[in-house]
C-alpha atoms as a PDB file:
ATOM      1  CA  MET A   1      75.790 153.644 141.674  1.00  0.00           C
ATOM      2  CA  SER A   2      72.506 152.825 139.971  1.00  0.00           C
ATOM      3  CA  LEU A   3      69.089 152.468 141.659  1.00  0.00           C
ATOM      4  CA  GLY A   4      65.915 150.850 140.662  1.00  0.00           C
ATOM      5  CA  SER A   5      62.857 149.420 142.240  1.00  0.00           C
ATOM      6  CA  ARG A   6      59.978 146.880 141.546  1.00  0.00           C
ATOM      7  CA  GLY A   7      56.968 147.451 143.790  1.00  0.00           C
ATOM      8  CA  ASN A   8      58.511 147.911 147.358  1.00  0.00           C
ATOM      9  CA  VAL A   9      61.784 146.292 146.623  1.00  0.00           C
ATOM     10  CA  THR A  10      64.689 148.591 145.892  1.00  0.00           C
ATOM     11  CA  LYS A  11      67.735 147.513 143.930  1.00  0.00           C
ATOM     12  CA  ILE A  12      70.971 149.072 145.063  1.00  0.00           C
ATOM     13  CA  THR A  13      74.028 148.501 142.934  1.00  0.00           C
ATOM     14  CA  CYS A  14      77.496 149.313 144.250  1.00  0.00           C
ATOM     15  CA  ARG A  15      81.230 148.282 143.532  1.00  0.00           C
ATOM     16  CA  VAL A  16      83.460 147.062 146.226  1.00  0.00           C
ATOM     17  CA  PRO A  17      85.991 149.874 146.663  1.00  0.00           C
ATOM     18  CA  VAL A  18      89.498 149.202 145.269  1.00  0.00           C
ATOM     19  CA  GLY A  19      92.326 150.350 147.468  1.00  0.00           C
ATOM     20  CA  ARG A  20      90.640 150.089 150.800  1.00  0.00           C
ATOM     21  CA  ILE A  21      90.485 146.478 151.227  1.00  0.00           C
ATOM     22  CA  GLY A  22      94.159 145.352 151.860  1.00  0.00           C
ATOM     23  CA  GLN A  23      96.361 142.646 150.442  1.00  0.00           C
ATOM     24  CA  GLN A  24      94.432 139.924 152.605  1.00  0.00           C
ATOM     25  CA  GLY A  25      91.074 140.885 151.447  1.00  0.00           C
ATOM     26  CA  LEU A  26      87.981 141.811 153.397  1.00  0.00           C
ATOM     27  CA  ARG A  27      84.621 139.975 154.539  1.00  0.00           C
ATOM     28  CA  LEU A  28      81.970 140.722 152.206  1.00  0.00           C
ATOM     29  CA  ASP A  29      79.615 142.271 154.613  1.00  0.00           C
ATOM     30  CA  GLN A  30      82.408 144.541 155.889  1.00  0.00           C
ATOM     31  CA  ALA A  31      83.411 145.508 152.160  1.00  0.00           C
ATOM     32  CA  ILE A  32      79.712 146.351 151.243  1.00  0.00           C
ATOM     33  CA  ALA A  33      79.589 148.542 154.564  1.00  0.00           C
ATOM     34  CA  LEU A  34      82.443 150.672 153.255  1.00  0.00           C
ATOM     35  CA  THR A  35      80.614 151.759 150.063  1.00  0.00           C
ATOM     36  CA  SER A  36      78.988 155.036 149.844  1.00  0.00           C
ATOM     37  CA  GLU A  37      75.672 153.342 148.696  1.00  0.00           C
ATOM     38  CA  ALA A  38      75.631 151.217 152.115  1.00  0.00           C
ATOM     39  CA  GLN A  39      76.243 154.548 154.012  1.00  0.00           C
ATOM     40  CA  GLU A  40      73.606 156.376 152.068  1.00  0.00           C
ATOM     41  CA  HIS A  41      70.807 153.825 152.479  1.00  0.00           C
ATOM     42  CA  ASN A  42      72.056 153.085 156.299  1.00  0.00           C
ATOM     43  CA  LEU A  43      72.673 149.529 155.528  1.00  0.00           C
ATOM     44  CA  SER A  44      74.236 148.487 158.724  1.00  0.00           C
ATOM     45  CA  ARG A  45      76.445 145.055 158.907  1.00  0.00           C
ATOM     46  CA  THR A  46      73.628 143.498 160.668  1.00  0.00           C
ATOM     47  CA  LEU A  47      71.049 144.374 158.120  1.00  0.00           C
ATOM     48  CA  LEU A  48      73.720 143.244 155.511  1.00  0.00           C
ATOM     49  CA  ARG A  49      73.962 139.815 157.152  1.00  0.00           C
ATOM     50  CA  LYS A  50      70.104 139.362 157.083  1.00  0.00           C
ATOM     51  CA  LEU A  51      69.935 140.403 153.532  1.00  0.00           C
ATOM     52  CA  LEU A  52      72.574 137.959 152.839  1.00  0.00           C
ATOM     53  CA  ASN A  53      70.818 135.119 154.689  1.00  0.00           C
ATOM     54  CA  ALA A  54      67.457 135.921 152.787  1.00  0.00           C
ATOM     55  CA  GLY A  55      69.355 135.743 149.467  1.00  0.00           C
ATOM     56  CA  ALA A  56      68.956 139.234 148.672  1.00  0.00           C
ATOM     57  CA  VAL A  57      72.668 139.811 147.632  1.00  0.00           C
ATOM     58  CA  TYR A  58      74.288 139.133 144.379  1.00  0.00           C
ATOM     59  CA  LEU A  59      78.133 139.453 143.711  1.00  0.00           C
ATOM     60  CA  ASN A  60      79.148 139.613 140.119  1.00  0.00           C
ATOM     61  CA  GLY A  61      75.679 138.503 139.139  1.00  0.00           C
ATOM     62  CA  LYS A  62      75.560 135.356 141.303  1.00  0.00           C
ATOM     63  CA  ARG A  63      73.708 134.913 144.457  1.00  0.00           C
ATOM     64  CA  VAL A  64      75.764 134.847 147.675  1.00  0.00           C
ATOM     65  CA  ARG A  65      74.525 134.045 151.363  1.00  0.00           C
ATOM     66  CA  VAL A  66      78.010 134.054 153.054  1.00  0.00           C
ATOM     67  CA  ALA A  67      78.728 137.217 155.074  1.00  0.00           C
ATOM     68  CA  SER A  68      82.369 135.969 155.693  1.00  0.00           C
ATOM     69  CA  ARG A  69      83.194 135.454 151.823  1.00  0.00           C
ATOM     70  CA  MET A  70      86.407 137.302 151.024  1.00  0.00           C
ATOM     71  CA  VAL A  71      86.539 139.924 148.390  1.00  0.00           C
ATOM     72  CA  ARG A  72      89.675 141.810 147.071  1.00  0.00           C
ATOM     73  CA  GLY A  73      87.931 144.866 145.539  1.00  0.00           C
ATOM     74  CA  GLY A  74      86.278 145.727 142.313  1.00  0.00           C
ATOM     75  CA  GLU A  75      83.484 143.403 142.629  1.00  0.00           C
ATOM     76  CA  ILE A  76      79.939 144.424 141.571  1.00  0.00           C
ATOM     77  CA  ILE A  77      77.314 143.927 144.245  1.00  0.00           C
ATOM     78  CA  ASP A  78      73.411 144.108 143.688  1.00  0.00           C
ATOM     79  CA  ILE A  79      71.342 144.290 146.768  1.00  0.00           C
ATOM     80  CA  TYR A  80      67.477 143.992 146.573  1.00  0.00           C
ATOM     81  CA  TRP A  81      65.911 145.486 149.782  1.00  0.00           C
ATOM     82  CA  ASP A  82      62.162 145.297 150.585  1.00  0.00           C
ATOM     83  CA  LYS A  83      61.993 148.351 152.731  1.00  0.00           C
ATOM     84  CA  GLY A  84      58.174 148.235 152.970  1.00  0.00           C
ATOM     85  CA  LYS A  85      57.983 144.734 154.263  1.00  0.00           C
ATOM     86  CA  SER A  86      55.934 144.780 157.289  1.00  0.00           C
ATOM     87  CA  PRO A  87      57.265 142.638 160.339  1.00  0.00           C
ATOM     88  CA  ASP A  88      56.011 139.128 160.870  1.00  0.00           C
ATOM     89  CA  LYS A  89      55.970 139.100 164.538  1.00  0.00           C
ATOM     90  CA  ILE A  90      56.337 135.836 166.268  1.00  0.00           C
ATOM     91  CA  ASP A  91      55.889 135.428 170.231  1.00  0.00           C
ATOM     92  CA  ALA A  92      59.182 134.162 170.946  1.00  0.00           C
ATOM     93  CA  GLY A  93      57.798 133.131 174.690  1.00  0.00           C
ATOM     94  CA  LYS A  94      55.957 130.225 173.319  1.00  0.00           C
ATOM     95  CA  PHE A  95      59.046 128.642 171.905  1.00  0.00           C
ATOM     96  CA  LEU A  96      60.979 128.773 175.193  1.00  0.00           C
ATOM     97  CA  PRO A  97      62.634 127.016 176.652  1.00  0.00           C
ATOM     98  CA  LEU A  98      64.246 125.325 173.606  1.00  0.00           C
ATOM     99  CA  ARG A  99      64.837 121.608 173.965  1.00  0.00           C
ATOM    100  CA  VAL A 100      68.456 120.456 173.779  1.00  0.00           C
ATOM    101  CA  LEU A 101      68.703 117.096 172.217  1.00  0.00           C
ATOM    102  CA  TYR A 102      72.547 116.849 172.450  1.00  0.00           C
ATOM    103  CA  GLU A 103      75.307 118.650 173.655  1.00  0.00           C
ATOM    104  CA  ASP A 104      79.061 118.609 174.347  1.00  0.00           C
ATOM    105  CA  GLU A 105      81.803 121.067 173.948  1.00  0.00           C
ATOM    106  CA  ALA A 106      81.826 121.012 170.334  1.00  0.00           C
ATOM    107  CA  ILE A 107      78.385 120.766 168.927  1.00  0.00           C
ATOM    108  CA  ILE A 108      74.768 121.201 170.118  1.00  0.00           C
ATOM    109  CA  CYS A 109      71.460 119.982 168.662  1.00  0.00           C
ATOM    110  CA  PHE A 110      68.258 121.623 169.454  1.00  0.00           C
ATOM    111  CA  ASP A 111      64.607 120.343 168.689  1.00  0.00           C
ATOM    112  CA  LYS A 112      63.370 123.229 166.409  1.00  0.00           C
ATOM    113  CA  PRO A 113      59.656 123.882 166.794  1.00  0.00           C
ATOM    114  CA  ALA A 114      57.133 124.305 163.965  1.00  0.00           C
ATOM    115  CA  GLY A 115      56.644 128.009 163.063  1.00  0.00           C
ATOM    116  CA  LEU A 116      60.005 129.161 164.202  1.00  0.00           C
ATOM    117  CA  PRO A 117      62.428 130.324 161.283  1.00  0.00           C
ATOM    118  CA  THR A 118      65.956 128.917 161.564  1.00  0.00           C
ATOM    119  CA  GLN A 119      67.818 132.103 161.132  1.00  0.00           C
ATOM    120  CA  PRO A 120      67.540 135.849 161.427  1.00  0.00           C
ATOM    121  CA  THR A 121      65.280 137.218 158.619  1.00  0.00           C
ATOM    122  CA  LEU A 122      64.771 140.977 157.439  1.00  0.00           C
ATOM    123  CA  ASP A 123      62.232 141.493 160.045  1.00  0.00           C
ATOM    124  CA  GLU A 124      63.707 142.695 163.251  1.00  0.00           C
ATOM    125  CA  ALA A 125      60.743 141.820 165.262  1.00  0.00           C
ATOM    126  CA  ARG A 126      60.675 138.162 164.047  1.00  0.00           C
ATOM    127  CA  ALA A 127      61.996 135.588 166.495  1.00  0.00           C
ATOM    128  CA  ASN A 128      64.248 132.799 164.989  1.00  0.00           C
ATOM    129  CA  LEU A 129      65.910 129.731 166.242  1.00  0.00           C
ATOM    130  CA  PHE A 130      69.520 130.908 166.011  1.00  0.00           C
ATOM    131  CA  GLU A 131      68.850 134.046 168.249  1.00  0.00           C
ATOM    132  CA  LEU A 132      66.784 132.474 170.530  1.00  0.00           C
ATOM    133  CA  ALA A 133      69.438 129.461 171.135  1.00  0.00           C
ATOM    134  CA  LYS A 134      72.234 132.153 171.623  1.00  0.00           C
ATOM    135  CA  LYS A 135      70.260 134.044 174.113  1.00  0.00           C
ATOM    136  CA  GLN A 136      69.122 130.796 176.088  1.00  0.00           C
ATOM    137  CA  LEU A 137      72.641 129.558 176.241  1.00  0.00           C
ATOM    138  CA  SER A 138      74.070 132.841 177.236  1.00  0.00           C
ATOM    139  CA  ALA A 139      71.793 133.206 179.974  1.00  0.00           C
ATOM    140  CA  ARG A 140      72.547 129.636 181.270  1.00  0.00           C
ATOM    141  CA  GLU A 141      76.239 130.190 181.067  1.00  0.00           C
ATOM    142  CA  GLY A 142      76.283 134.010 182.170  1.00  0.00           C
ATOM    143  CA  ARG A 143      78.487 134.885 179.213  1.00  0.00           C
ATOM    144  CA  SER A 144      78.062 135.629 175.338  1.00  0.00           C
ATOM    145  CA  VAL A 145      78.354 132.296 173.564  1.00  0.00           C
ATOM    146  CA  TYR A 146      79.244 131.200 169.888  1.00  0.00           C
ATOM    147  CA  LEU A 147      77.053 129.262 167.657  1.00  0.00           C
ATOM    148  CA  GLY A 148      77.788 128.194 164.105  1.00  0.00           C
ATOM    149  CA  LEU A 149      74.906 127.656 161.722  1.00  0.00           C
ATOM    150  CA  HIS A 150      75.438 124.850 158.930  1.00  0.00           C
ATOM    151  CA  HIS A 151      71.956 123.759 157.873  1.00  0.00           C
ATOM    152  CA  ARG A 152      68.413 124.970 157.872  1.00  0.00           C
ATOM    153  CA  LEU A 153      64.924 123.663 158.273  1.00  0.00           C
ATOM    154  CA  ASP A 154      61.828 125.599 156.652  1.00  0.00           C
ATOM    155  CA  ARG A 155      59.845 127.661 159.261  1.00  0.00           C
ATOM    156  CA  ASP A 156      57.036 125.137 159.470  1.00  0.00           C
ATOM    157  CA  THR A 157      59.278 121.967 159.566  1.00  0.00           C
ATOM    158  CA  SER A 158      60.235 120.717 162.974  1.00  0.00           C
ATOM    159  CA  GLY A 159      63.182 118.551 164.188  1.00  0.00           C
ATOM    160  CA  VAL A 160      67.051 118.194 164.542  1.00  0.00           C
ATOM    161  CA  ILE A 161      69.233 121.202 164.227  1.00  0.00           C
ATOM    162  CA  LEU A 162      72.970 121.279 164.742  1.00  0.00           C
ATOM    163  CA  PHE A 163      75.173 124.148 165.629  1.00  0.00           C
ATOM    164  CA  THR A 164      78.907 124.195 166.401  1.00  0.00           C
ATOM    165  CA  ARG A 165      80.176 125.579 169.726  1.00  0.00           C
ATOM    166  CA  ALA A 166      83.193 127.042 168.449  1.00  0.00           C
ATOM    167  CA  ASP A 167      84.470 128.444 165.171  1.00  0.00           C
ATOM    168  CA  ARG A 168      87.335 125.639 165.053  1.00  0.00           C
ATOM    169  CA  TYR A 169      84.779 123.062 164.301  1.00  0.00           C
ATOM    170  CA  ASN A 170      83.224 124.800 161.402  1.00  0.00           C
ATOM    171  CA  ALA A 171      85.247 123.489 158.618  1.00  0.00           C
ATOM    172  CA  PHE A 172      85.009 119.826 159.794  1.00  0.00           C
ATOM    173  CA  ILE A 173      81.229 120.060 160.300  1.00  0.00           C
ATOM    174  CA  GLY A 174      80.456 122.301 157.213  1.00  0.00           C
ATOM    175  CA  GLU A 175      82.286 120.034 154.959  1.00  0.00           C
ATOM    176  CA  GLN A 176      79.839 117.058 155.877  1.00  0.00           C
ATOM    177  CA  PHE A 177      76.904 119.258 154.980  1.00  0.00           C
ATOM    178  CA  ARG A 178      78.393 120.667 151.761  1.00  0.00           C
ATOM    179  CA  SER A 179      79.534 116.973 150.679  1.00  0.00           C
ATOM    180  CA  HIS A 180      76.055 115.697 151.705  1.00  0.00           C
ATOM    181  CA  LYS A 181      77.779 113.199 154.201  1.00  0.00           C
ATOM    182  CA  ALA A 182      75.578 114.395 156.988  1.00  0.00           C
ATOM    183  CA  ALA A 183      72.689 111.929 157.003  1.00  0.00           C
ATOM    184  CA  LYS A 184      69.269 113.500 157.322  1.00  0.00           C
ATOM    185  CA  LEU A 185      66.102 111.228 158.028  1.00  0.00           C
ATOM    186  CA  TYR A 186      62.683 113.060 157.871  1.00  0.00           C
ATOM    187  CA  VAL A 187      59.007 111.642 158.534  1.00  0.00           C
ATOM    188  CA  ALA A 188      55.907 113.148 156.765  1.00  0.00           C
ATOM    189  CA  VAL A 189      52.268 112.716 156.428  1.00  0.00           C
ATOM    190  CA  VAL A 190      51.245 113.328 152.930  1.00  0.00           C
ATOM    191  CA  HIS A 191      47.816 113.017 151.074  1.00  0.00           C
ATOM    192  CA  GLY A 192      46.575 109.903 149.743  1.00  0.00           C
ATOM    193  CA  LYS A 193      47.806 106.245 149.602  1.00  0.00           C
ATOM    194  CA  LEU A 194      51.212 105.932 147.585  1.00  0.00           C
ATOM    195  CA  PRO A 195      51.252 103.256 144.894  1.00  0.00           C
ATOM    196  CA  LYS A 196      54.574 101.857 145.959  1.00  0.00           C
ATOM    197  CA  THR A 197      55.876 101.211 149.427  1.00  0.00           C
ATOM    198  CA  GLU A 198      59.310 102.630 148.564  1.00  0.00           C
ATOM    199  CA  GLY A 199      60.821 104.399 145.751  1.00  0.00           C
ATOM    200  CA  ARG A 200      63.450 106.987 144.853  1.00  0.00           C
ATOM    201  CA  LEU A 201      62.730 110.490 143.188  1.00  0.00           C
ATOM    202  CA  GLU A 202      65.180 112.254 140.979  1.00  0.00           C
ATOM    203  CA  SER A 203      65.088 115.525 139.303  1.00  0.00           C
ATOM    204  CA  TYR A 204      66.768 118.894 138.917  1.00  0.00           C
ATOM    205  CA  LEU A 205      65.312 121.526 140.791  1.00  0.00           C
ATOM    206  CA  ALA A 206      64.987 125.432 140.348  1.00  0.00           C
ATOM    207  CA  PRO A 207      62.586 128.098 141.130  1.00  0.00           C
ATOM    208  CA  VAL A 208      59.574 127.964 138.700  1.00  0.00           C
ATOM    209  CA  ASP A 209      57.192 130.765 139.985  1.00  0.00           C
ATOM    210  CA  LYS A 210      55.854 132.710 143.045  1.00  0.00           C
ATOM    211  CA  LYS A 211      52.980 132.287 145.328  1.00  0.00           C
ATOM    212  CA  GLY A 212      52.542 135.623 147.092  1.00  0.00           C
ATOM    213  CA  LYS A 213      56.102 136.463 148.219  1.00  0.00           C
ATOM    214  CA  GLN A 214      57.266 132.887 148.255  1.00  0.00           C
ATOM    215  CA  ASN A 215      59.182 131.247 145.652  1.00  0.00           C
ATOM    216  CA  ARG A 216      57.793 127.836 144.526  1.00  0.00           C
ATOM    217  CA  PHE A 217      60.437 125.345 143.214  1.00  0.00           C
ATOM    218  CA  GLY A 218      59.860 122.624 140.789  1.00  0.00           C
ATOM    219  CA  SER A 219      61.662 120.097 138.630  1.00  0.00           C
ATOM    220  CA  VAL A 220      63.164 121.498 135.427  1.00  0.00           C
ATOM    221  CA  ARG A 221      64.825 120.021 132.090  1.00  0.00           C
ATOM    222  CA  SER A 222      67.819 122.368 132.509  1.00  0.00           C
ATOM    223  CA  GLY A 223      69.560 124.869 134.710  1.00  0.00           C
ATOM    224  CA  GLY A 224      68.435 123.231 138.010  1.00  0.00           C
ATOM    225  CA  LYS A 225      70.163 121.460 140.683  1.00  0.00           C
ATOM    226  CA  LYS A 226      70.108 117.705 141.085  1.00  0.00           C
ATOM    227  CA  ALA A 227      68.022 116.343 143.999  1.00  0.00           C
ATOM    228  CA  ILE A 228      67.603 112.742 145.177  1.00  0.00           C
ATOM    229  CA  THR A 229      64.792 111.722 147.513  1.00  0.00           C
ATOM    230  CA  ASP A 230      64.212 108.241 148.840  1.00  0.00           C
ATOM    231  CA  TYR A 231      61.105 107.455 150.678  1.00  0.00           C
ATOM    232  CA  LEU A 232      59.566 104.501 152.639  1.00  0.00           C
ATOM    233  CA  VAL A 233      55.980 104.126 153.583  1.00  0.00           C
ATOM    234  CA  LEU A 234      55.621 103.489 157.219  1.00  0.00           C
ATOM    235  CA  ALA A 235      51.764 103.462 157.540  1.00  0.00           C
ATOM    236  CA  GLN A 236      48.785 104.442 155.622  1.00  0.00           C
ATOM    237  CA  THR A 237      45.104 104.861 155.593  1.00  0.00           C
ATOM    238  CA  GLY A 238      42.672 105.477 152.792  1.00  0.00           C
ATOM    239  CA  ARG A 239      43.302 109.205 152.803  1.00  0.00           C
ATOM    240  CA  TYR A 240      46.742 109.618 154.141  1.00  0.00           C
ATOM    241  CA  SER A 241      50.281 107.989 154.354  1.00  0.00           C
ATOM    242  CA  LEU A 242      53.035 108.211 157.014  1.00  0.00           C
ATOM    243  CA  VAL A 243      56.505 108.277 154.916  1.00  0.00           C
ATOM    244  CA  GLU A 244      60.028 108.243 156.117  1.00  0.00           C
ATOM    245  CA  VAL A 245      62.349 110.211 153.835  1.00  0.00           C
ATOM    246  CA  LYS A 246      66.144 110.243 153.195  1.00  0.00           C
ATOM    247  CA  ILE A 247      67.602 113.022 151.098  1.00  0.00           C
ATOM    248  CA  ALA A 248      71.004 112.205 149.464  1.00  0.00           C
ATOM    249  CA  THR A 249      71.112 116.137 148.454  1.00  0.00           C
ATOM    250  CA  GLY A 250      69.865 119.146 150.391  1.00  0.00           C
ATOM    251  CA  ARG A 251      67.979 121.311 148.096  1.00  0.00           C
ATOM    252  CA  THR A 252      65.534 124.084 148.801  1.00  0.00           C
ATOM    253  CA  HIS A 253      61.922 122.652 149.497  1.00  0.00           C
ATOM    254  CA  GLN A 254      63.391 119.332 148.023  1.00  0.00           C
ATOM    255  CA  ILE A 255      60.984 116.880 149.747  1.00  0.00           C
ATOM    256  CA  ARG A 256      58.070 119.119 149.508  1.00  0.00           C
ATOM    257  CA  VAL A 257      58.521 119.339 146.011  1.00  0.00           C
ATOM    258  CA  HIS A 258      59.235 115.724 145.035  1.00  0.00           C
ATOM    259  CA  LEU A 259      56.314 114.401 147.207  1.00  0.00           C
ATOM    260  CA  SER A 260      53.888 116.916 145.564  1.00  0.00           C
ATOM    261  CA  GLU A 261      55.266 116.047 142.041  1.00  0.00           C
ATOM    262  CA  LEU A 262      54.289 112.519 142.918  1.00  0.00           C
ATOM    263  CA  GLY A 263      50.902 113.499 143.644  1.00  0.00           C
ATOM    264  CA  HIS A 264      50.955 113.318 147.275  1.00  0.00           C
ATOM    265  CA  PRO A 265      51.657 116.592 148.829  1.00  0.00           C
ATOM    266  CA  ILE A 266      52.519 116.993 152.515  1.00  0.00           C
ATOM    267  CA  VAL A 267      49.502 117.566 154.707  1.00  0.00           C
ATOM    268  CA  GLY A 268      49.479 121.291 155.524  1.00  0.00           C
ATOM    269  CA  ASP A 269      51.768 122.328 152.706  1.00  0.00           C
ATOM    270  CA  ILE A 270      49.602 124.825 150.839  1.00  0.00           C
ATOM    271  CA  LEU A 271      52.417 126.053 148.722  1.00  0.00           C
ATOM    272  CA  TYR A 272      52.862 122.716 147.154  1.00  0.00           C
ATOM    273  CA  GLY A 273      49.111 121.598 146.800  1.00  0.00           C
ATOM    274  CA  SER A 274      47.697 120.671 150.385  1.00  0.00           C
ATOM    275  CA  PRO A 275      44.090 122.150 150.816  1.00  0.00           C
ATOM    276  CA  ALA A 276      44.132 125.475 152.877  1.00  0.00           C
ATOM    277  CA  GLU A 277      41.674 123.938 155.331  1.00  0.00           C
ATOM    278  CA  CYS A 278      44.545 121.458 156.464  1.00  0.00           C
ATOM    279  CA  TYR A 279      46.826 124.348 157.270  1.00  0.00           C
ATOM    280  CA  GLY A 280      44.054 125.974 159.207  1.00  0.00           C
ATOM    281  CA  LYS A 281      43.743 123.004 161.292  1.00  0.00           C
ATOM    282  CA  LEU A 282      47.582 122.688 161.955  1.00  0.00           C
ATOM    283  CA  GLY A 283      49.079 126.086 161.659  1.00  0.00           C
ATOM    284  CA  ARG A 284      52.062 123.999 160.153  1.00  0.00           C
ATOM    285  CA  HIS A 285      53.040 121.322 157.440  1.00  0.00           C
ATOM    286  CA  LEU A 286      53.646 117.851 158.715  1.00  0.00           C
ATOM    287  CA  LEU A 287      57.329 117.472 157.699  1.00  0.00           C
ATOM    288  CA  HIS A 288      59.674 116.628 160.751  1.00  0.00           C
ATOM    289  CA  ALA A 289      63.611 116.289 160.708  1.00  0.00           C
ATOM    290  CA  HIS A 290      63.416 112.997 162.704  1.00  0.00           C
ATOM    291  CA  ALA A 291      67.238 112.215 162.920  1.00  0.00           C
ATOM    292  CA  LEU A 292      70.598 113.538 161.958  1.00  0.00           C
ATOM    293  CA  SER A 293      73.941 111.559 161.648  1.00  0.00           C
ATOM    294  CA  VAL A 294      77.303 113.201 161.632  1.00  0.00           C
ATOM    295  CA  VAL A 295      81.023 112.414 162.332  1.00  0.00           C
ATOM    296  CA  HIS A 296      81.819 114.081 165.530  1.00  0.00           C
ATOM    297  CA  PRO A 297      84.754 116.751 165.135  1.00  0.00           C
ATOM    298  CA  VAL A 298      86.596 115.512 168.343  1.00  0.00           C
ATOM    299  CA  THR A 299      86.082 111.975 168.642  1.00  0.00           C
ATOM    300  CA  ASN A 300      85.641 110.964 164.941  1.00  0.00           C
ATOM    301  CA  ASN A 301      82.813 108.692 166.008  1.00  0.00           C
ATOM    302  CA  LEU A 302      79.499 108.581 164.157  1.00  0.00           C
ATOM    303  CA  ILE A 303      76.747 110.056 166.280  1.00  0.00           C
ATOM    304  CA  ARG A 304      73.039 110.069 165.608  1.00  0.00           C
ATOM    305  CA  VAL A 305      70.651 112.565 167.026  1.00  0.00           C
ATOM    306  CA  GLU A 306      66.872 111.983 167.170  1.00  0.00           C
ATOM    307  CA  SER A 307      63.880 114.127 167.818  1.00  0.00           C
ATOM    308  CA  PRO A 308      60.643 112.268 168.673  1.00  0.00           C
ATOM    309  CA  VAL A 309      57.988 112.460 165.997  1.00  0.00           C
ATOM    310  CA  PRO A 310      55.439 114.819 167.072  1.00  0.00           C
ATOM    311  CA  PRO A 311      52.099 113.308 168.147  1.00  0.00           C
ATOM    312  CA  GLU A 312      49.860 115.333 165.772  1.00  0.00           C
ATOM    313  CA  PHE A 313      51.369 112.942 162.918  1.00  0.00           C
ATOM    314  CA  ARG A 314      49.767 109.879 164.395  1.00  0.00           C
ATOM    315  CA  GLN A 315      46.444 111.689 164.634  1.00  0.00           C
ATOM    316  CA  TRP A 316      46.362 111.730 161.034  1.00  0.00           C
ATOM    317  CA  VAL A 317      47.901 108.273 160.398  1.00  0.00           C
ATOM    318  CA  PRO A 318      47.122 106.099 163.567  1.00  0.00           C
END
């Protein structure tokens, strides 16, 4: 074992034990929990899944976020744990009940509110859509329910989020998101008047720096992941524009980065250039996942689920 630290962040390095995994392999979170280092630092499987979701775990030097990934033994694991991070408390009650946009036996779509993280974070006290959705459905049905998470929205982005209702549908739905066949349509309010009514933005994106504890992404010449963003201006004033955005890829902060680099950051997005007073007025950035289209795992029909554009968007661009 080796241990290091940077600020409040502790790095824990361990090796997946050989000889205790079995011929079929073992889930990554289960395998880490077997290590003496995990036991020494009281890393429960619940905490390990949160660390994985947060991108704080590296497998043989490569970041991994999938707790169910199979390992065989001997792999080197690096875990970065910010023990001193204070809880970001969110009043869960103000988001309830969550609005259901579509539901059947295979999938369910919620209308995610702005200000609510999609998934669990390292902060135990922080409300998130995934846990609130499970609790709401469990209370309604009087039993524990399953939800499969396949895509995410940033905390301050509102709109359509899809979950699977049983694990047998995961492969079919997951492949559509991995291959970018799930069509995502967004609406945003941006600063300024765009020079063209429509266009395509292409670049390779990667983390470029930090603002506080948040990673900022940007276009790079090498080492990034390709991102393609198409936009269409729906309405504009002298100071703001309402744009429709389609993404052919799903990179972190993709829409936010591309619009900012175009010179028209999303209103309220202080990480990418919107003035702080805009966020102060809104408490969010004005990006909304308006529609999601997928092929249904049972019927094989194409379905489209929409979330109405929030009324505050039209207060900026009537």
